[in-house]
Amino acid sequence: MASRLLRIAALVELVSLVLLLANLATVHWPAVASLLGPVHGCAYLFVIGAALREARVPMIRLLAVIPGIGGLLVVRRLRSRAGTDVSTSATRR
């Protein structure tokens, strides 16, 4: 299962990207871009690092590289794999 920090970082990455794009499409205030740009970049790098640490499957690790939704896709895959592992281990007993 994905760690709490990975889930938070994935959400921060997505929200900051949406806000950056909304700012670009509407008022384009430089202050908003200079605040949210580094926040998005740090969250993006954190998601990649956390995915490398938590995921053992290379395909799941590659999902983290997708900007914006990659972190959420990693969290989803890790949850589904954890559910599959629990159900298969329960049927083996």
PDB file of N, CA and C in Angstrom:
ATOM      1  N   MET A   1       0.841  -1.177   0.000  1.00  0.00           N
ATOM      2  CA  MET A   1       0.000   0.000   0.000  1.00  0.00           C
ATOM      3  C   MET A   1       0.887   1.243   0.000  1.00  0.00           C
ATOM      4  N   ALA A   2       0.417   2.262  -0.638  1.00  0.00           N
ATOM      5  CA  ALA A   2       1.178   3.504  -0.755  1.00  0.00           C
ATOM      6  C   ALA A   2       1.241   4.221   0.591  1.00  0.00           C
ATOM      7  N   SER A   3       2.384   4.837   0.840  1.00  0.00           N
ATOM      8  CA  SER A   3       2.534   5.562   2.096  1.00  0.00           C
ATOM      9  C   SER A   3       1.708   6.843   2.077  1.00  0.00           C
ATOM     10  N   ARG A   4       1.493   7.353   3.255  1.00  0.00           N
ATOM     11  CA  ARG A   4       0.701   8.577   3.383  1.00  0.00           C
ATOM     12  C   ARG A   4       1.414   9.747   2.705  1.00  0.00           C
ATOM     13  N   LEU A   5       2.730   9.817   2.833  1.00  0.00           N
ATOM     14  CA  LEU A   5       3.480  10.908   2.211  1.00  0.00           C
ATOM     15  C   LEU A   5       3.390  10.870   0.689  1.00  0.00           C
ATOM     16  N   LEU A   6       3.388   9.674   0.115  1.00  0.00           N
ATOM     17  CA  LEU A   6       3.237   9.561  -1.340  1.00  0.00           C
ATOM     18  C   LEU A   6       1.861  10.043  -1.777  1.00  0.00           C
ATOM     19  N   ARG A   7       0.833   9.697  -1.032  1.00  0.00           N
ATOM     20  CA  ARG A   7      -0.525  10.141  -1.380  1.00  0.00           C
ATOM     21  C   ARG A   7      -0.647  11.657  -1.285  1.00  0.00           C
ATOM     22  N   ILE A   8      -0.076  12.245  -0.240  1.00  0.00           N
ATOM     23  CA  ILE A   8      -0.136  13.697  -0.080  1.00  0.00           C
ATOM     24  C   ILE A   8       0.645  14.389  -1.182  1.00  0.00           C
ATOM     25  N   ALA A   9       1.847  13.897  -1.474  1.00  0.00           N
ATOM     26  CA  ALA A   9       2.671  14.514  -2.519  1.00  0.00           C
ATOM     27  C   ALA A   9       2.007  14.404  -3.885  1.00  0.00           C
ATOM     28  N   ALA A  10       1.357  13.286  -4.157  1.00  0.00           N
ATOM     29  CA  ALA A  10       0.656  13.124  -5.439  1.00  0.00           C
ATOM     30  C   ALA A  10      -0.489  14.119  -5.563  1.00  0.00           C
ATOM     31  N   LEU A  11      -1.202  14.323  -4.478  1.00  0.00           N
ATOM     32  CA  LEU A  11      -2.305  15.286  -4.497  1.00  0.00           C
ATOM     33  C   LEU A  11      -1.787  16.715  -4.640  1.00  0.00           C
ATOM     34  N   VAL A  12      -0.715  17.051  -3.924  1.00  0.00           N
ATOM     35  CA  VAL A  12      -0.118  18.390  -4.034  1.00  0.00           C
ATOM     36  C   VAL A  12       0.392  18.623  -5.447  1.00  0.00           C
ATOM     37  N   GLU A  13       0.991  17.601  -6.048  1.00  0.00           N
ATOM     38  CA  GLU A  13       1.487  17.734  -7.417  1.00  0.00           C
ATOM     39  C   GLU A  13       0.346  18.042  -8.386  1.00  0.00           C
ATOM     40  N   LEU A  14      -0.740  17.303  -8.279  1.00  0.00           N
ATOM     41  CA  LEU A  14      -1.873  17.506  -9.180  1.00  0.00           C
ATOM     42  C   LEU A  14      -2.515  18.876  -8.972  1.00  0.00           C
ATOM     43  N   VAL A  15      -2.766  19.242  -7.729  1.00  0.00           N
ATOM     44  CA  VAL A  15      -3.426  20.518  -7.442  1.00  0.00           C
ATOM     45  C   VAL A  15      -2.557  21.687  -7.891  1.00  0.00           C
ATOM     46  N   SER A  16      -1.250  21.608  -7.631  1.00  0.00           N
ATOM     47  CA  SER A  16      -0.369  22.708  -8.034  1.00  0.00           C
ATOM     48  C   SER A  16      -0.290  22.827  -9.555  1.00  0.00           C
ATOM     49  N   LEU A  17      -0.310  21.707 -10.262  1.00  0.00           N
ATOM     50  CA  LEU A  17      -0.291  21.774 -11.723  1.00  0.00           C
ATOM     51  C   LEU A  17      -1.586  22.379 -12.264  1.00  0.00           C
ATOM     52  N   VAL A  18      -2.711  21.989 -11.693  1.00  0.00           N
ATOM     53  CA  VAL A  18      -4.001  22.549 -12.131  1.00  0.00           C
ATOM     54  C   VAL A  18      -4.033  24.053 -11.882  1.00  0.00           C
ATOM     55  N   LEU A  19      -3.547  24.476 -10.713  1.00  0.00           N
ATOM     56  CA  LEU A  19      -3.533  25.905 -10.409  1.00  0.00           C
ATOM     57  C   LEU A  19      -2.571  26.670 -11.311  1.00  0.00           C
ATOM     58  N   LEU A  20      -1.435  26.074 -11.620  1.00  0.00           N
ATOM     59  CA  LEU A  20      -0.493  26.718 -12.549  1.00  0.00           C
ATOM     60  C   LEU A  20      -1.115  26.893 -13.934  1.00  0.00           C
ATOM     61  N   LEU A  21      -1.773  25.864 -14.416  1.00  0.00           N
ATOM     62  CA  LEU A  21      -2.402  25.950 -15.738  1.00  0.00           C
ATOM     63  C   LEU A  21      -3.584  26.915 -15.745  1.00  0.00           C
ATOM     64  N   ALA A  22      -4.335  26.930 -14.646  1.00  0.00           N
ATOM     65  CA  ALA A  22      -5.448  27.882 -14.553  1.00  0.00           C
ATOM     66  C   ALA A  22      -4.925  29.320 -14.533  1.00  0.00           C
ATOM     67  N   ASN A  23      -3.845  29.550 -13.819  1.00  0.00           N
ATOM     68  CA  ASN A  23      -3.234  30.879 -13.798  1.00  0.00           C
ATOM     69  C   ASN A  23      -2.741  31.264 -15.193  1.00  0.00           C
ATOM     70  N   LEU A  24      -2.143  30.322 -15.884  1.00  0.00           N
ATOM     71  CA  LEU A  24      -1.633  30.589 -17.234  1.00  0.00           C
ATOM     72  C   LEU A  24      -2.775  30.901 -18.205  1.00  0.00           C
ATOM     73  N   ALA A  25      -3.889  30.216 -18.045  1.00  0.00           N
ATOM     74  CA  ALA A  25      -5.017  30.408 -18.956  1.00  0.00           C
ATOM     75  C   ALA A  25      -5.845  31.649 -18.650  1.00  0.00           C
ATOM     76  N   THR A  26      -5.731  32.164 -17.436  1.00  0.00           N
ATOM     77  CA  THR A  26      -6.579  33.305 -17.069  1.00  0.00           C
ATOM     78  C   THR A  26      -5.760  34.576 -16.892  1.00  0.00           C
ATOM     79  N   VAL A  27      -5.333  34.860 -15.689  1.00  0.00           N
ATOM     80  CA  VAL A  27      -4.729  36.161 -15.382  1.00  0.00           C
ATOM     81  C   VAL A  27      -3.211  36.210 -15.567  1.00  0.00           C
ATOM     82  N   HIS A  28      -2.563  35.075 -15.493  1.00  0.00           N
ATOM     83  CA  HIS A  28      -1.119  34.945 -15.659  1.00  0.00           C
ATOM     84  C   HIS A  28      -0.341  35.892 -14.741  1.00  0.00           C
ATOM     85  N   TRP A  29      -0.601  35.762 -13.442  1.00  0.00           N
ATOM     86  CA  TRP A  29       0.124  36.542 -12.450  1.00  0.00           C
ATOM     87  C   TRP A  29       1.478  35.894 -12.191  1.00  0.00           C
ATOM     88  N   PRO A  30       2.559  36.622 -12.356  1.00  0.00           N
ATOM     89  CA  PRO A  30       3.897  36.055 -12.127  1.00  0.00           C
ATOM     90  C   PRO A  30       4.113  35.583 -10.685  1.00  0.00           C
ATOM     91  N   ALA A  31       3.486  36.243  -9.726  1.00  0.00           N
ATOM     92  CA  ALA A  31       3.658  35.839  -8.326  1.00  0.00           C
ATOM     93  C   ALA A  31       3.102  34.437  -8.076  1.00  0.00           C
ATOM     94  N   VAL A  32       1.983  34.126  -8.698  1.00  0.00           N
ATOM     95  CA  VAL A  32       1.386  32.797  -8.533  1.00  0.00           C
ATOM     96  C   VAL A  32       2.305  31.746  -9.152  1.00  0.00           C
ATOM     97  N   ALA A  33       2.825  32.039 -10.322  1.00  0.00           N
ATOM     98  CA  ALA A  33       3.720  31.094 -10.986  1.00  0.00           C
ATOM     99  C   ALA A  33       5.014  30.897 -10.194  1.00  0.00           C
ATOM    100  N   SER A  34       5.549  31.971  -9.632  1.00  0.00           N
ATOM    101  CA  SER A  34       6.797  31.835  -8.890  1.00  0.00           C
ATOM    102  C   SER A  34       6.593  31.155  -7.541  1.00  0.00           C
ATOM    103  N   LEU A  35       5.371  31.140  -7.032  1.00  0.00           N
ATOM    104  CA  LEU A  35       5.085  30.408  -5.801  1.00  0.00           C
ATOM    105  C   LEU A  35       4.771  28.943  -6.091  1.00  0.00           C
ATOM    106  N   LEU A  36       3.908  28.695  -7.064  1.00  0.00           N
ATOM    107  CA  LEU A  36       3.446  27.336  -7.327  1.00  0.00           C
ATOM    108  C   LEU A  36       4.425  26.506  -8.160  1.00  0.00           C
ATOM    109  N   GLY A  37       5.262  27.159  -8.940  1.00  0.00           N
ATOM    110  CA  GLY A  37       6.226  26.420  -9.752  1.00  0.00           C
ATOM    111  C   GLY A  37       7.158  25.552  -8.916  1.00  0.00           C
ATOM    112  N   PRO A  38       7.839  26.123  -7.934  1.00  0.00           N
ATOM    113  CA  PRO A  38       8.702  25.294  -7.083  1.00  0.00           C
ATOM    114  C   PRO A  38       7.936  24.268  -6.243  1.00  0.00           C
ATOM    115  N   VAL A  39       6.725  24.615  -5.828  1.00  0.00           N
ATOM    116  CA  VAL A  39       5.914  23.648  -5.068  1.00  0.00           C
ATOM    117  C   VAL A  39       5.614  22.433  -5.942  1.00  0.00           C
ATOM    118  N   HIS A  40       5.221  22.692  -7.173  1.00  0.00           N
ATOM    119  CA  HIS A  40       4.931  21.593  -8.099  1.00  0.00           C
ATOM    120  C   HIS A  40       6.190  20.779  -8.393  1.00  0.00           C
ATOM    121  N   GLY A  41       7.299  21.464  -8.621  1.00  0.00           N
ATOM    122  CA  GLY A  41       8.546  20.756  -8.922  1.00  0.00           C
ATOM    123  C   GLY A  41       9.012  19.873  -7.780  1.00  0.00           C
ATOM    124  N   CYS A  42       8.923  20.380  -6.565  1.00  0.00           N
ATOM    125  CA  CYS A  42       9.324  19.582  -5.398  1.00  0.00           C
ATOM    126  C   CYS A  42       8.396  18.386  -5.200  1.00  0.00           C
ATOM    127  N   ALA A  43       7.105  18.608  -5.348  1.00  0.00           N
ATOM    128  CA  ALA A  43       6.151  17.502  -5.205  1.00  0.00           C
ATOM    129  C   ALA A  43       6.375  16.453  -6.285  1.00  0.00           C
ATOM    130  N   TYR A  44       6.664  16.894  -7.498  1.00  0.00           N
ATOM    131  CA  TYR A  44       6.924  15.976  -8.611  1.00  0.00           C
ATOM    132  C   TYR A  44       8.149  15.106  -8.324  1.00  0.00           C
ATOM    133  N   LEU A  45       9.224  15.733  -7.874  1.00  0.00           N
ATOM    134  CA  LEU A  45      10.437  14.978  -7.556  1.00  0.00           C
ATOM    135  C   LEU A  45      10.221  14.052  -6.362  1.00  0.00           C
ATOM    136  N   PHE A  46       9.456  14.496  -5.392  1.00  0.00           N
ATOM    137  CA  PHE A  46       9.164  13.657  -4.233  1.00  0.00           C
ATOM    138  C   PHE A  46       8.358  12.429  -4.642  1.00  0.00           C
ATOM    139  N   VAL A  47       7.392  12.620  -5.522  1.00  0.00           N
ATOM    140  CA  VAL A  47       6.582  11.487  -5.993  1.00  0.00           C
ATOM    141  C   VAL A  47       7.465  10.474  -6.718  1.00  0.00           C
ATOM    142  N   ILE A  48       8.364  10.946  -7.550  1.00  0.00           N
ATOM    143  CA  ILE A  48       9.255  10.032  -8.270  1.00  0.00           C
ATOM    144  C   ILE A  48      10.128   9.252  -7.283  1.00  0.00           C
ATOM    145  N   GLY A  49      10.704   9.959  -6.315  1.00  0.00           N
ATOM    146  CA  GLY A  49      11.547   9.287  -5.322  1.00  0.00           C
ATOM    147  C   GLY A  49      10.773   8.290  -4.480  1.00  0.00           C
ATOM    148  N   ALA A  50       9.574   8.658  -4.065  1.00  0.00           N
ATOM    149  CA  ALA A  50       8.760   7.753  -3.251  1.00  0.00           C
ATOM    150  C   ALA A  50       8.313   6.541  -4.061  1.00  0.00           C
ATOM    151  N   ALA A  51       8.018   6.746  -5.329  1.00  0.00           N
ATOM    152  CA  ALA A  51       7.620   5.615  -6.176  1.00  0.00           C
ATOM    153  C   ALA A  51       8.796   4.663  -6.378  1.00  0.00           C
ATOM    154  N   LEU A  52       9.979   5.206  -6.542  1.00  0.00           N
ATOM    155  CA  LEU A  52      11.157   4.344  -6.674  1.00  0.00           C
ATOM    156  C   LEU A  52      11.390   3.547  -5.396  1.00  0.00           C
ATOM    157  N   ARG A  53      11.094   4.143  -4.264  1.00  0.00           N
ATOM    158  CA  ARG A  53      11.302   3.475  -2.986  1.00  0.00           C
ATOM    159  C   ARG A  53      10.242   2.412  -2.707  1.00  0.00           C
ATOM    160  N   GLU A  54       9.002   2.694  -3.051  1.00  0.00           N
ATOM    161  CA  GLU A  54       7.908   1.807  -2.655  1.00  0.00           C
ATOM    162  C   GLU A  54       7.539   0.755  -3.687  1.00  0.00           C
ATOM    163  N   ALA A  55       7.673   1.069  -4.945  1.00  0.00           N
ATOM    164  CA  ALA A  55       7.239   0.134  -5.993  1.00  0.00           C
ATOM    165  C   ALA A  55       8.415  -0.733  -6.428  1.00  0.00           C
ATOM    166  N   ARG A  56       8.152  -1.996  -6.585  1.00  0.00           N
ATOM    167  CA  ARG A  56       9.179  -2.927  -7.054  1.00  0.00           C
ATOM    168  C   ARG A  56       9.029  -3.234  -8.545  1.00  0.00           C
ATOM    169  N   VAL A  57       7.855  -2.990  -9.083  1.00  0.00           N
ATOM    170  CA  VAL A  57       7.579  -3.271 -10.491  1.00  0.00           C
ATOM    171  C   VAL A  57       8.017  -2.070 -11.328  1.00  0.00           C
ATOM    172  N   PRO A  58       8.833  -2.281 -12.358  1.00  0.00           N
ATOM    173  CA  PRO A  58       9.326  -1.153 -13.163  1.00  0.00           C
ATOM    174  C   PRO A  58       8.223  -0.340 -13.831  1.00  0.00           C
ATOM    175  N   MET A  59       7.134  -0.966 -14.228  1.00  0.00           N
ATOM    176  CA  MET A  59       6.049  -0.235 -14.879  1.00  0.00           C
ATOM    177  C   MET A  59       5.402   0.768 -13.921  1.00  0.00           C
ATOM    178  N   ILE A  60       5.257   0.373 -12.665  1.00  0.00           N
ATOM    179  CA  ILE A  60       4.686   1.290 -11.678  1.00  0.00           C
ATOM    180  C   ILE A  60       5.642   2.442 -11.438  1.00  0.00           C
ATOM    181  N   ARG A  61       6.921   2.170 -11.409  1.00  0.00           N
ATOM    182  CA  ARG A  61       7.911   3.229 -11.229  1.00  0.00           C
ATOM    183  C   ARG A  61       7.870   4.229 -12.389  1.00  0.00           C
ATOM    184  N   LEU A  62       7.662   3.742 -13.591  1.00  0.00           N
ATOM    185  CA  LEU A  62       7.603   4.632 -14.755  1.00  0.00           C
ATOM    186  C   LEU A  62       6.358   5.517 -14.744  1.00  0.00           C
ATOM    187  N   LEU A  63       5.298   5.066 -14.127  1.00  0.00           N
ATOM    188  CA  LEU A  63       4.082   5.881 -14.053  1.00  0.00           C
ATOM    189  C   LEU A  63       4.325   7.183 -13.294  1.00  0.00           C
ATOM    190  N   ALA A  64       5.246   7.163 -12.348  1.00  0.00           N
ATOM    191  CA  ALA A  64       5.517   8.345 -11.533  1.00  0.00           C
ATOM    192  C   ALA A  64       6.082   9.493 -12.356  1.00  0.00           C
ATOM    193  N   VAL A  65       6.635   9.213 -13.506  1.00  0.00           N
ATOM    194  CA  VAL A  65       7.257  10.236 -14.337  1.00  0.00           C
ATOM    195  C   VAL A  65       6.218  11.081 -15.075  1.00  0.00           C
ATOM    196  N   ILE A  66       4.987  10.613 -15.162  1.00  0.00           N
ATOM    197  CA  ILE A  66       3.934  11.374 -15.836  1.00  0.00           C
ATOM    198  C   ILE A  66       3.569  12.571 -14.965  1.00  0.00           C
ATOM    199  N   PRO A  67       3.756  13.790 -15.475  1.00  0.00           N
ATOM    200  CA  PRO A  67       3.454  14.975 -14.643  1.00  0.00           C
ATOM    201  C   PRO A  67       1.963  15.091 -14.327  1.00  0.00           C
ATOM    202  N   GLY A  68       1.677  15.474 -13.104  1.00  0.00           N
ATOM    203  CA  GLY A  68       0.295  15.724 -12.706  1.00  0.00           C
ATOM    204  C   GLY A  68      -0.409  14.506 -12.171  1.00  0.00           C
ATOM    205  N   ILE A  69      -0.652  13.510 -12.993  1.00  0.00           N
ATOM    206  CA  ILE A  69      -1.437  12.353 -12.567  1.00  0.00           C
ATOM    207  C   ILE A  69      -0.592  11.115 -12.282  1.00  0.00           C
ATOM    208  N   GLY A  70       0.689  11.180 -12.547  1.00  0.00           N
ATOM    209  CA  GLY A  70       1.544  10.014 -12.345  1.00  0.00           C
ATOM    210  C   GLY A  70       1.547   9.510 -10.919  1.00  0.00           C
ATOM    211  N   GLY A  71       1.608  10.429  -9.975  1.00  0.00           N
ATOM    212  CA  GLY A  71       1.602  10.023  -8.576  1.00  0.00           C
ATOM    213  C   GLY A  71       0.320   9.338  -8.172  1.00  0.00           C
ATOM    214  N   LEU A  72      -0.796   9.856  -8.645  1.00  0.00           N
ATOM    215  CA  LEU A  72      -2.080   9.232  -8.327  1.00  0.00           C
ATOM    216  C   LEU A  72      -2.202   7.856  -8.978  1.00  0.00           C
ATOM    217  N   LEU A  73      -1.639   7.702 -10.173  1.00  0.00           N
ATOM    218  CA  LEU A  73      -1.649   6.385 -10.819  1.00  0.00           C
ATOM    219  C   LEU A  73      -0.799   5.385 -10.053  1.00  0.00           C
ATOM    220  N   VAL A  74       0.325   5.839  -9.519  1.00  0.00           N
ATOM    221  CA  VAL A  74       1.179   4.964  -8.709  1.00  0.00           C
ATOM    222  C   VAL A  74       0.437   4.533  -7.448  1.00  0.00           C
ATOM    223  N   VAL A  75      -0.208   5.476  -6.784  1.00  0.00           N
ATOM    224  CA  VAL A  75      -0.968   5.145  -5.572  1.00  0.00           C
ATOM    225  C   VAL A  75      -2.057   4.128  -5.893  1.00  0.00           C
ATOM    226  N   ARG A  76      -2.745   4.326  -6.999  1.00  0.00           N
ATOM    227  CA  ARG A  76      -3.817   3.406  -7.390  1.00  0.00           C
ATOM    228  C   ARG A  76      -3.278   2.005  -7.667  1.00  0.00           C
ATOM    229  N   ARG A  77      -2.165   1.932  -8.399  1.00  0.00           N
ATOM    230  CA  ARG A  77      -1.585   0.620  -8.699  1.00  0.00           C
ATOM    231  C   ARG A  77      -1.080  -0.079  -7.440  1.00  0.00           C
ATOM    232  N   LEU A  78      -0.458   0.687  -6.539  1.00  0.00           N
ATOM    233  CA  LEU A  78       0.036   0.077  -5.300  1.00  0.00           C
ATOM    234  C   LEU A  78      -1.120  -0.439  -4.452  1.00  0.00           C
ATOM    235  N   ARG A  79      -2.224   0.298  -4.413  1.00  0.00           N
ATOM    236  CA  ARG A  79      -3.397  -0.176  -3.672  1.00  0.00           C
ATOM    237  C   ARG A  79      -3.973  -1.436  -4.289  1.00  0.00           C
ATOM    238  N   SER A  80      -4.069  -1.468  -5.614  1.00  0.00           N
ATOM    239  CA  SER A  80      -4.649  -2.651  -6.265  1.00  0.00           C
ATOM    240  C   SER A  80      -3.742  -3.863  -6.106  1.00  0.00           C
ATOM    241  N   ARG A  81      -2.435  -3.650  -6.142  1.00  0.00           N
ATOM    242  CA  ARG A  81      -1.506  -4.770  -5.927  1.00  0.00           C
ATOM    243  C   ARG A  81      -1.577  -5.262  -4.488  1.00  0.00           C
ATOM    244  N   ALA A  82      -1.728  -4.353  -3.528  1.00  0.00           N
ATOM    245  CA  ALA A  82      -1.841  -4.755  -2.127  1.00  0.00           C
ATOM    246  C   ALA A  82      -3.119  -5.557  -1.911  1.00  0.00           C
ATOM    247  N   GLY A  83      -4.207  -5.146  -2.556  1.00  0.00           N
ATOM    248  CA  GLY A  83      -5.461  -5.888  -2.449  1.00  0.00           C
ATOM    249  C   GLY A  83      -5.363  -7.257  -3.068  1.00  0.00           C
ATOM    250  N   THR A  84      -4.649  -7.365  -4.180  1.00  0.00           N
ATOM    251  CA  THR A  84      -4.458  -8.645  -4.850  1.00  0.00           C
ATOM    252  C   THR A  84      -3.585  -9.563  -4.016  1.00  0.00           C
ATOM    253  N   ASP A  85      -2.541  -9.012  -3.416  1.00  0.00           N
ATOM    254  CA  ASP A  85      -1.652  -9.818  -2.585  1.00  0.00           C
ATOM    255  C   ASP A  85      -2.375 -10.358  -1.362  1.00  0.00           C
ATOM    256  N   VAL A  86      -3.242  -9.540  -0.762  1.00  0.00           N
ATOM    257  CA  VAL A  86      -3.984  -9.968   0.418  1.00  0.00           C
ATOM    258  C   VAL A  86      -4.979 -11.057   0.049  1.00  0.00           C
ATOM    259  N   SER A  87      -5.683 -10.886  -1.062  1.00  0.00           N
ATOM    260  CA  SER A  87      -6.686 -11.879  -1.446  1.00  0.00           C
ATOM    261  C   SER A  87      -6.043 -13.195  -1.865  1.00  0.00           C
ATOM    262  N   THR A  88      -4.903 -13.157  -2.534  1.00  0.00           N
ATOM    263  CA  THR A  88      -4.243 -14.407  -2.935  1.00  0.00           C
ATOM    264  C   THR A  88      -3.623 -15.110  -1.739  1.00  0.00           C
ATOM    265  N   SER A  89      -3.103 -14.359  -0.780  1.00  0.00           N
ATOM    266  CA  SER A  89      -2.526 -14.993   0.396  1.00  0.00           C
ATOM    267  C   SER A  89      -3.619 -15.588   1.285  1.00  0.00           C
ATOM    268  N   ALA A  90      -4.801 -14.984   1.284  1.00  0.00           N
ATOM    269  CA  ALA A  90      -5.905 -15.520   2.085  1.00  0.00           C
ATOM    270  C   ALA A  90      -6.436 -16.809   1.480  1.00  0.00           C
ATOM    271  N   THR A  91      -6.417 -16.953   0.154  1.00  0.00           N
ATOM    272  CA  THR A  91      -6.919 -18.174  -0.466  1.00  0.00           C
ATOM    273  C   THR A  91      -5.909 -19.309  -0.366  1.00  0.00           C
ATOM    274  N   ARG A  92      -4.648 -18.999  -0.142  1.00  0.00           N
ATOM    275  CA  ARG A  92      -3.633 -20.047  -0.032  1.00  0.00           C
ATOM    276  C   ARG A  92      -3.697 -20.764   1.306  1.00  0.00           C
ATOM    277  N   ARG A  93      -4.283 -20.158   2.302  1.00  0.00           N
ATOM    278  CA  ARG A  93      -4.288 -20.761   3.654  1.00  0.00           C
ATOM    279  C   ARG A  93      -5.258 -21.855   3.756  1.00  0.00           C
TER     280      ARG A  93
END
